């Protein structure tokens, strides 16, 4: 039997070693839990030991990334995986695109229907084809966290207004690049917009920290 054939299957310990570099918190118990929830289905040897393939490892990376980076519930992740399995292509290496229903967004963000309705009413989030993306999820989670301090969606309109003005600055800066017809101009505009956005965010955070220190007298 060739070495390549031998490495076709991995033990749960070997899988754990492959994953822990990117996911330090993953454990054998976590992998077994995901199996129990039906998200992975490793093969079994005649003696009952789990035998994982490279596809199983790829699937685990997909699940763990979706949990860590997008805070998706396992039920939503399983739906994404089932949808991917119905298509004749392999799983992507990164996290799945977030496309949540109204009920899924409420569950994933830990908010209630009234909070979501208020967010929509003030233009903080809006669905596309009745689905919410990763930004909507992040906004909803932030609004839910701020609500614990008595800040409601209606109080956050000023934040949205600031963001819209900052986006206008980005648009102004990249407009000349967008008008160019040279190859790679759009990619350059995208990279420039990301860089400017990062600097604006750093500036915003520094100014906010300074203002808050003034409020608390420090």
Protein backbone atom coordinates (compact mmCIF):
# COMPACT_ATOMS: atom_id res chain seq x y z
CA UNK A 1 0.00 0.00 0.00
CA UNK A 2 1.43 3.40 -0.98
CA UNK A 3 2.03 6.24 1.46
CA UNK A 4 -0.55 8.28 -0.47
CA UNK A 5 -3.19 5.61 0.13
CA UNK A 6 -2.30 5.40 3.81
CA UNK A 7 -2.79 9.17 4.19
CA UNK A 8 -6.20 9.02 2.50
CA UNK A 9 -7.70 8.70 5.99
CA UNK A 10 -6.82 10.51 9.20
CA UNK A 11 -7.60 9.88 12.84
CA UNK A 12 -9.47 12.43 14.92
CA UNK A 13 -6.19 13.35 16.62
CA UNK A 14 -4.53 14.06 13.27
CA UNK A 15 -7.48 16.19 12.21
CA UNK A 16 -7.25 18.11 15.47
CA UNK A 17 -3.56 18.79 14.86
CA UNK A 18 -4.36 20.17 11.38
CA UNK A 19 -7.07 22.50 12.67
CA UNK A 20 -5.60 23.86 15.88
CA UNK A 21 -3.22 26.24 14.12
CA UNK A 22 -6.16 28.25 12.78
CA UNK A 23 -8.68 27.31 15.47
CA UNK A 24 -6.85 27.03 18.84
CA UNK A 25 -10.08 26.39 20.75
CA UNK A 26 -11.15 23.33 18.77
CA UNK A 27 -11.11 20.07 20.73
CA UNK A 28 -11.86 16.41 20.14
CA UNK A 29 -15.12 16.94 22.00
CA UNK A 30 -16.04 19.78 19.65
CA UNK A 31 -15.44 17.61 16.59
CA UNK A 32 -17.51 14.81 18.10
CA UNK A 33 -20.27 17.31 18.92
CA UNK A 34 -20.36 18.52 15.31
CA UNK A 35 -20.62 14.91 14.22
CA UNK A 36 -23.48 14.34 16.64
CA UNK A 37 -25.27 17.38 15.19
CA UNK A 38 -24.99 15.89 11.72
CA UNK A 39 -22.62 18.50 10.29
CA UNK A 40 -19.86 15.97 9.52
CA UNK A 41 -20.07 12.24 8.83
CA UNK A 42 -16.63 10.60 9.04
CA UNK A 43 -16.34 6.99 7.97
CA UNK A 44 -15.77 4.25 10.53
CA UNK A 45 -13.24 1.43 10.55
CA UNK A 46 -14.47 -2.13 11.27
CA UNK A 47 -13.40 -1.59 14.88
CA UNK A 48 -15.38 1.64 15.13
CA UNK A 49 -12.61 4.25 14.84
CA UNK A 50 -13.42 7.44 12.96
CA UNK A 51 -11.69 7.83 9.58
CA UNK A 52 -11.55 11.41 8.29
CA UNK A 53 -10.81 12.40 4.70
CA UNK A 54 -9.38 15.68 3.45
CA UNK A 55 -12.92 16.65 2.44
CA UNK A 56 -14.00 16.16 6.06
CA UNK A 57 -11.22 18.52 7.18
CA UNK A 58 -12.26 21.08 4.56
CA UNK A 59 -15.85 20.82 5.78
CA UNK A 60 -14.73 21.33 9.39
CA UNK A 61 -12.76 24.43 8.41
CA UNK A 62 -15.87 25.76 6.70
CA UNK A 63 -17.99 25.18 9.82
CA UNK A 64 -15.47 26.61 12.29
CA UNK A 65 -14.82 29.69 10.15
CA UNK A 66 -18.54 30.38 9.80
CA UNK A 67 -18.95 30.15 13.59
CA UNK A 68 -15.91 32.27 14.44
CA UNK A 69 -16.12 34.99 11.81
CA UNK A 70 -19.87 35.26 11.19
CA UNK A 71 -21.38 33.91 14.44
CA UNK A 72 -23.77 31.72 12.49
CA UNK A 73 -25.90 29.16 14.34
CA UNK A 74 -25.16 25.54 13.51
CA UNK A 75 -28.60 25.15 11.95
CA UNK A 76 -27.84 27.92 9.46
CA UNK A 77 -24.39 26.49 8.71
CA UNK A 78 -25.95 23.07 8.10
CA UNK A 79 -28.40 24.63 5.65
CA UNK A 80 -25.49 26.23 3.78
CA UNK A 81 -23.64 22.93 3.71
CA UNK A 82 -26.68 21.07 2.43
CA UNK A 83 -27.09 23.69 -0.29
CA UNK A 84 -23.43 23.34 -1.25
CA UNK A 85 -23.73 19.55 -1.33
CA UNK A 86 -26.53 19.81 -3.89
CA UNK A 87 -24.19 21.59 -6.31
CA UNK A 88 -21.50 19.87 -8.38
CA UNK A 89 -18.56 21.77 -6.91
CA UNK A 90 -16.35 21.59 -3.84
CA UNK A 91 -16.72 23.72 -0.75
CA UNK A 92 -14.92 27.08 -0.84
CA UNK A 93 -11.94 27.50 1.47
CA UNK A 94 -13.36 30.58 3.16
CA UNK A 95 -16.59 31.14 5.08
CA UNK A 96 -19.92 30.84 3.25
CA UNK A 97 -21.63 34.00 2.08
CA UNK A 98 -24.12 35.09 4.72
CA UNK A 99 -27.70 35.01 3.42
CA UNK A 100 -30.04 34.98 6.40
CA UNK A 101 -33.80 35.03 6.58
CA UNK A 102 -35.49 37.42 8.97
CA UNK A 103 -35.88 34.70 11.60
CA UNK A 104 -32.28 33.56 11.19
CA UNK A 105 -30.95 37.10 11.59
CA UNK A 106 -32.95 37.60 14.79
CA UNK A 107 -31.62 34.33 16.19
CA UNK A 108 -27.99 34.87 15.12
CA UNK A 109 -27.87 38.47 16.39
CA UNK A 110 -29.72 37.78 19.66
CA UNK A 111 -32.29 40.51 19.09
CA UNK A 112 -36.08 40.55 18.90
CA UNK A 113 -38.50 41.39 16.12
CA UNK A 114 -39.22 44.88 17.44
CA UNK A 115 -35.50 45.76 17.45
CA UNK A 116 -35.08 44.57 13.87
CA UNK A 117 -38.16 46.50 12.77
CA UNK A 118 -36.78 49.64 14.42
CA UNK A 119 -33.39 49.13 12.75
CA UNK A 120 -35.08 48.86 9.37
CA UNK A 121 -37.24 51.88 10.09
CA UNK A 122 -34.15 54.02 10.68
CA UNK A 123 -32.29 52.61 7.70
CA UNK A 124 -29.60 50.75 9.64
CA UNK A 125 -30.24 47.48 7.80
CA UNK A 126 -32.32 46.43 4.83
CA UNK A 127 -32.78 43.01 3.23
CA UNK A 128 -32.02 42.20 -0.40
CA UNK A 129 -34.54 39.76 -1.81
CA UNK A 130 -35.71 39.19 1.78
CA UNK A 131 -32.21 38.06 2.86
CA UNK A 132 -29.67 39.74 5.14
CA UNK A 133 -25.91 39.75 4.53
CA UNK A 134 -22.85 39.67 6.81
CA UNK A 135 -22.91 43.45 7.35
CA UNK A 136 -26.54 43.32 8.44
CA UNK A 137 -25.66 40.59 10.94
CA UNK A 138 -22.76 42.61 12.35
CA UNK A 139 -24.89 45.74 12.62
CA UNK A 140 -27.71 43.82 14.31
CA UNK A 141 -25.32 42.31 16.86
CA UNK A 142 -23.87 45.75 17.61
CA UNK A 143 -27.30 47.32 18.01
CA UNK A 144 -28.31 44.47 20.31
CA UNK A 145 -25.19 45.01 22.44
CA UNK A 146 -25.74 48.77 22.64
CA UNK A 147 -29.36 48.26 23.66
CA UNK A 148 -28.07 46.88 26.97
CA UNK A 149 -26.77 50.39 27.68
CA UNK A 150 -30.06 52.05 26.83
CA UNK A 151 -29.07 53.02 23.28
CA UNK A 152 -31.77 52.16 20.78
CA UNK A 153 -31.73 52.16 16.98
CA UNK A 154 -33.22 55.65 16.88
CA UNK A 155 -30.20 56.95 18.81
CA UNK A 156 -27.82 55.55 16.20
CA UNK A 157 -29.02 57.60 13.23
CA UNK A 158 -26.15 60.02 13.89
CA UNK A 159 -23.67 57.15 13.48
CA UNK A 160 -25.23 56.24 10.15
CA UNK A 161 -25.03 59.86 9.01
CA UNK A 162 -21.32 60.01 9.85
CA UNK A 163 -20.70 56.76 7.95
CA UNK A 164 -22.51 58.08 4.89
CA UNK A 165 -20.37 61.23 4.90
CA UNK A 166 -17.21 59.12 5.23
CA UNK A 167 -18.36 56.93 2.34
CA UNK A 168 -18.78 60.11 0.33
CA UNK A 169 -15.13 60.97 0.99
CA UNK A 170 -14.07 57.53 -0.22
CA UNK A 171 -16.19 57.91 -3.35
CA UNK A 172 -14.64 61.30 -4.04
CA UNK A 173 -11.12 59.87 -3.72
CA UNK A 174 -11.63 56.83 -5.96
CA UNK A 175 -13.82 58.49 -8.61
CA UNK A 176 -10.84 59.29 -10.89
CA UNK A 177 -9.74 55.66 -10.74
CA UNK A 178 -13.25 54.43 -11.53
CA UNK A 179 -13.30 56.56 -14.69
CA UNK A 180 -10.07 55.06 -16.03
CA UNK A 181 -10.32 52.36 -18.68
CA UNK A 182 -6.88 50.87 -18.08
CA UNK A 183 -6.68 47.17 -17.15
CA UNK A 184 -6.85 46.68 -13.41
CA UNK A 185 -8.35 50.10 -12.74
CA UNK A 186 -11.37 48.68 -10.91
CA UNK A 187 -9.18 46.44 -8.75
CA UNK A 188 -6.97 49.43 -7.94
CA UNK A 189 -10.02 51.50 -7.03
CA UNK A 190 -11.25 48.71 -4.75
CA UNK A 191 -7.89 48.45 -2.99
CA UNK A 192 -7.66 52.23 -2.63
CA UNK A 193 -11.17 52.40 -1.19
CA UNK A 194 -10.29 49.72 1.36
CA UNK A 195 -7.10 51.53 2.37
CA UNK A 196 -8.85 54.89 2.76
CA UNK A 197 -11.66 53.24 4.73
CA UNK A 198 -9.12 51.75 7.12
CA UNK A 199 -7.48 55.13 7.71
CA UNK A 200 -10.86 56.78 8.24
CA UNK A 201 -11.82 54.10 10.73
CA UNK A 202 -8.56 54.60 12.64
CA UNK A 203 -9.15 58.36 12.69
CA UNK A 204 -12.75 57.89 13.81
CA UNK A 205 -11.70 55.57 16.64
CA UNK A 206 -8.94 57.91 17.84
CA UNK A 207 -11.25 60.93 17.85
CA UNK A 208 -13.94 58.98 19.69
CA UNK A 209 -11.49 57.77 22.32
CA UNK A 210 -10.29 61.33 22.88
CA UNK A 211 -13.83 62.64 23.23
CA UNK A 212 -14.80 59.89 25.66
CA UNK A 213 -11.76 60.60 27.81
CA UNK A 214 -12.94 64.19 27.99
CA UNK A 215 -16.39 63.06 29.10
CA UNK A 216 -15.11 60.94 31.99
CA UNK A 217 -12.39 63.43 32.91
CA UNK A 218 -9.36 61.30 32.09
